Amino acid sequence: MAKSVNKVILLGNVGKDPEIRSTPGGTMVATFSIATSDRTKDAQGNWQDRTEWHNLVAFQRTAEIIRDYVKKGSKLYVEGKIQTRSWDDKETGAKKYRTEIIVNDLSLLSGRDEGGSGGGYSRASSGSSSSASFDQRPAAGADDFAQSAEISDDDIPF
């Protein structure tokens, strides 16, 4: 059988605060949506923006990070896989479908004033040994680097 690939990469903004719940087995689940935009020129040469909404689902540690750090307006980089669920509507009996992105990897890109709570860049991966690193240190200025990197003639290798 030939190998196949199911990989989605999104960079967009969260549409509303994530919904957090737990399964009966205790697994945390976060559901939220991300908007991505595309800009093209129409026949008259005018720019047209088109927004696409994506439904996302995250589990376990990634869901906890989303609960703690993601809110409406947050800019995220997401990697995952696409999955479509189906079920029978309880009232009409009609078959319903929902296409979702199952989040495998998440990077928080928003600053504190841009809708996100984290620093400039943080990353979370789903998996058994996942952890997120949140660097809370302020960015160093150019003067800090210049003072700490004094070079003498002895440091030059030639």
Protein backbone atom coordinates (compact mmCIF):
# COMPACT_ATOMS: atom_id res chain seq x y z
CA MET A 1 0.00 0.00 0.00
CA ALA A 2 1.29 3.48 -0.85
CA LYS A 3 2.10 5.87 1.95
CA SER A 4 -0.30 8.75 2.52
CA VAL A 5 -0.08 12.07 4.34
CA ASN A 6 -2.67 13.91 6.40
CA LYS A 7 -1.05 17.14 7.62
CA VAL A 8 -2.51 20.59 8.13
CA ILE A 9 -0.59 23.79 8.89
CA LEU A 10 -2.50 26.90 9.93
CA LEU A 11 -1.44 30.38 10.95
CA GLY A 12 -4.37 32.48 12.06
CA ASN A 13 -6.36 34.18 14.79
CA VAL A 14 -8.68 32.56 17.33
CA GLY A 15 -12.30 33.55 16.71
CA LYS A 16 -13.66 33.21 20.25
CA ASP A 17 -12.49 31.95 23.62
CA PRO A 18 -11.82 28.18 23.55
CA GLU A 19 -14.34 25.80 25.10
CA ILE A 20 -12.76 23.44 27.62
CA ARG A 21 -14.30 20.19 28.86
CA SER A 22 -13.26 16.81 30.18
CA THR A 23 -14.26 13.38 28.94
CA PRO A 24 -15.76 10.87 31.41
CA GLY A 25 -12.30 9.28 31.49
CA GLY A 26 -10.70 12.55 32.61
CA THR A 27 -9.06 13.62 29.33
CA MET A 28 -9.14 17.39 28.86
CA VAL A 29 -10.47 18.58 25.49
CA ALA A 30 -10.27 22.10 24.03
CA THR A 31 -12.39 23.11 21.03
CA PHE A 32 -11.96 26.43 19.25
CA SER A 33 -11.86 28.00 15.81
CA ILE A 34 -9.17 29.84 13.87
CA ALA A 35 -9.65 32.28 11.01
CA THR A 36 -7.20 32.38 8.12
CA SER A 37 -7.37 35.04 5.41
CA ASP A 38 -6.39 35.10 1.77
CA ARG A 39 -6.13 38.23 -0.37
CA THR A 40 -6.55 38.16 -4.16
CA LYS A 41 -7.25 40.69 -6.91
CA ASP A 42 -10.60 40.51 -8.68
CA ALA A 43 -11.21 41.15 -12.40
CA GLN A 44 -11.33 44.92 -11.80
CA GLY A 45 -7.98 44.91 -9.98
CA ASN A 46 -9.46 45.44 -6.53
CA TRP A 47 -8.18 43.47 -3.56
CA GLN A 48 -10.65 40.98 -2.13
CA ASP A 49 -10.19 39.35 1.27
CA ARG A 50 -11.56 35.87 1.91
CA THR A 51 -11.68 34.43 5.41
CA GLU A 52 -11.82 30.70 6.07
CA TRP A 53 -12.84 29.32 9.47
CA HIS A 54 -11.30 26.11 10.80
CA ASN A 55 -12.62 24.02 13.71
CA LEU A 56 -9.85 22.72 15.96
CA VAL A 57 -9.73 20.13 18.75
CA ALA A 58 -6.84 19.60 21.17
CA PHE A 59 -6.39 16.99 23.89
CA GLN A 60 -4.50 16.49 27.17
CA ARG A 61 -1.54 18.82 27.83
CA THR A 62 -2.11 20.87 24.67
CA ALA A 63 -5.71 21.48 25.81
CA GLU A 64 -4.42 22.67 29.20
CA ILE A 65 -2.08 25.14 27.50
CA ILE A 66 -4.92 26.39 25.35
CA ARG A 67 -7.08 26.79 28.47
CA ASP A 68 -4.37 28.82 30.21
CA TYR A 69 -2.93 30.93 27.39
CA VAL A 70 -5.29 31.16 24.40
CA LYS A 71 -8.23 33.54 24.09
CA LYS A 72 -10.18 35.36 21.39
CA GLY A 73 -7.79 37.20 19.08
CA SER A 74 -4.70 35.11 19.90
CA LYS A 75 -2.44 34.45 16.92
CA LEU A 76 -1.50 30.76 16.65
CA TYR A 77 0.61 28.51 14.49
CA VAL A 78 -0.98 25.05 14.44
CA GLU A 79 0.04 21.71 12.95
CA GLY A 80 -2.35 18.80 12.94
CA LYS A 81 -4.41 16.41 10.87
CA ILE A 82 -7.83 16.76 9.31
CA GLN A 83 -10.63 14.51 10.48
CA THR A 84 -14.34 14.31 9.67
CA ARG A 85 -16.83 12.97 12.20
CA SER A 86 -20.38 11.93 11.44
CA TRP A 87 -23.43 11.25 13.58
CA ASP A 88 -27.21 10.96 13.28
CA ASP A 89 -29.18 14.03 14.37
CA LYS A 90 -31.36 13.12 17.39
CA GLU A 91 -34.34 15.17 16.18
CA THR A 92 -34.39 14.60 12.43
CA GLY A 93 -32.35 11.43 12.10
CA ALA A 94 -30.34 13.10 9.32
CA LYS A 95 -26.65 12.34 8.99
CA LYS A 96 -24.52 15.27 10.21
CA TYR A 97 -20.83 15.88 9.47
CA ARG A 98 -18.14 18.02 11.08
CA THR A 99 -14.64 18.47 9.73
CA GLU A 100 -12.02 19.33 12.36
CA ILE A 101 -8.30 19.78 12.73
CA ILE A 102 -6.84 17.55 15.46
CA VAL A 103 -4.01 19.65 16.94
CA ASN A 104 -0.63 17.92 17.23
CA ASP A 105 1.59 20.98 17.63
CA LEU A 106 0.80 24.52 18.73
CA SER A 107 2.84 27.72 18.90
CA LEU A 108 1.52 30.82 20.64
CA LEU A 109 2.55 33.85 18.59
CA SER A 110 0.63 36.70 20.25
CA GLY A 111 2.22 39.15 22.60
CA ARG A 112 0.54 40.22 25.83
CA ASP A 113 -1.30 43.12 24.15
CA GLU A 114 -2.41 41.16 21.10
CA GLY A 115 -4.93 38.78 22.62
CA GLY A 116 -2.51 36.19 23.93
CA SER A 117 -1.32 35.87 27.50
CA GLY A 118 2.09 34.36 26.83
CA GLY A 119 5.37 35.92 25.83
CA GLY A 120 6.36 36.36 22.23
CA TYR A 121 6.69 32.69 21.34
CA SER A 122 5.71 29.51 23.11
CA ARG A 123 5.25 26.00 21.84
CA ALA A 124 3.23 22.96 22.90
CA SER A 125 3.16 19.50 21.37
CA SER A 126 0.75 16.71 22.05
CA GLY A 127 2.43 13.47 22.90
CA SER A 128 3.44 11.44 25.89
CA SER A 129 6.44 13.59 26.77
CA SER A 130 5.14 16.97 25.70
CA SER A 131 5.97 20.12 27.55
CA ALA A 132 5.78 23.79 26.78
CA SER A 133 8.55 26.29 27.32
CA PHE A 134 7.47 29.76 28.29
CA ASP A 135 10.30 32.27 28.37
CA GLN A 136 9.17 35.09 30.64
CA ARG A 137 12.42 37.05 30.42
CA PRO A 138 12.24 40.49 28.77
CA ALA A 139 13.96 40.80 25.42
CA ALA A 140 17.55 42.01 25.74
CA GLY A 141 18.40 45.31 24.09
CA ALA A 142 21.27 45.85 21.67
CA ASP A 143 23.32 47.61 24.37
CA ASP A 144 23.10 44.54 26.61
CA PHE A 145 24.66 42.39 23.90
CA ALA A 146 27.39 44.91 23.11
CA GLN A 147 28.47 45.17 26.74
CA SER A 148 28.47 41.44 27.39
CA ALA A 149 30.33 40.53 24.20
CA GLU A 150 33.58 42.45 24.51
CA ILE A 151 36.18 40.89 22.24
CA SER A 152 39.91 41.16 22.76
CA ASP A 153 42.74 40.32 20.36
CA ASP A 154 43.18 37.00 22.19
CA ASP A 155 39.64 35.95 21.14
CA ILE A 156 40.36 36.26 17.40
CA PRO A 157 41.55 32.91 15.96
CA PHE A 158 43.78 34.34 13.21
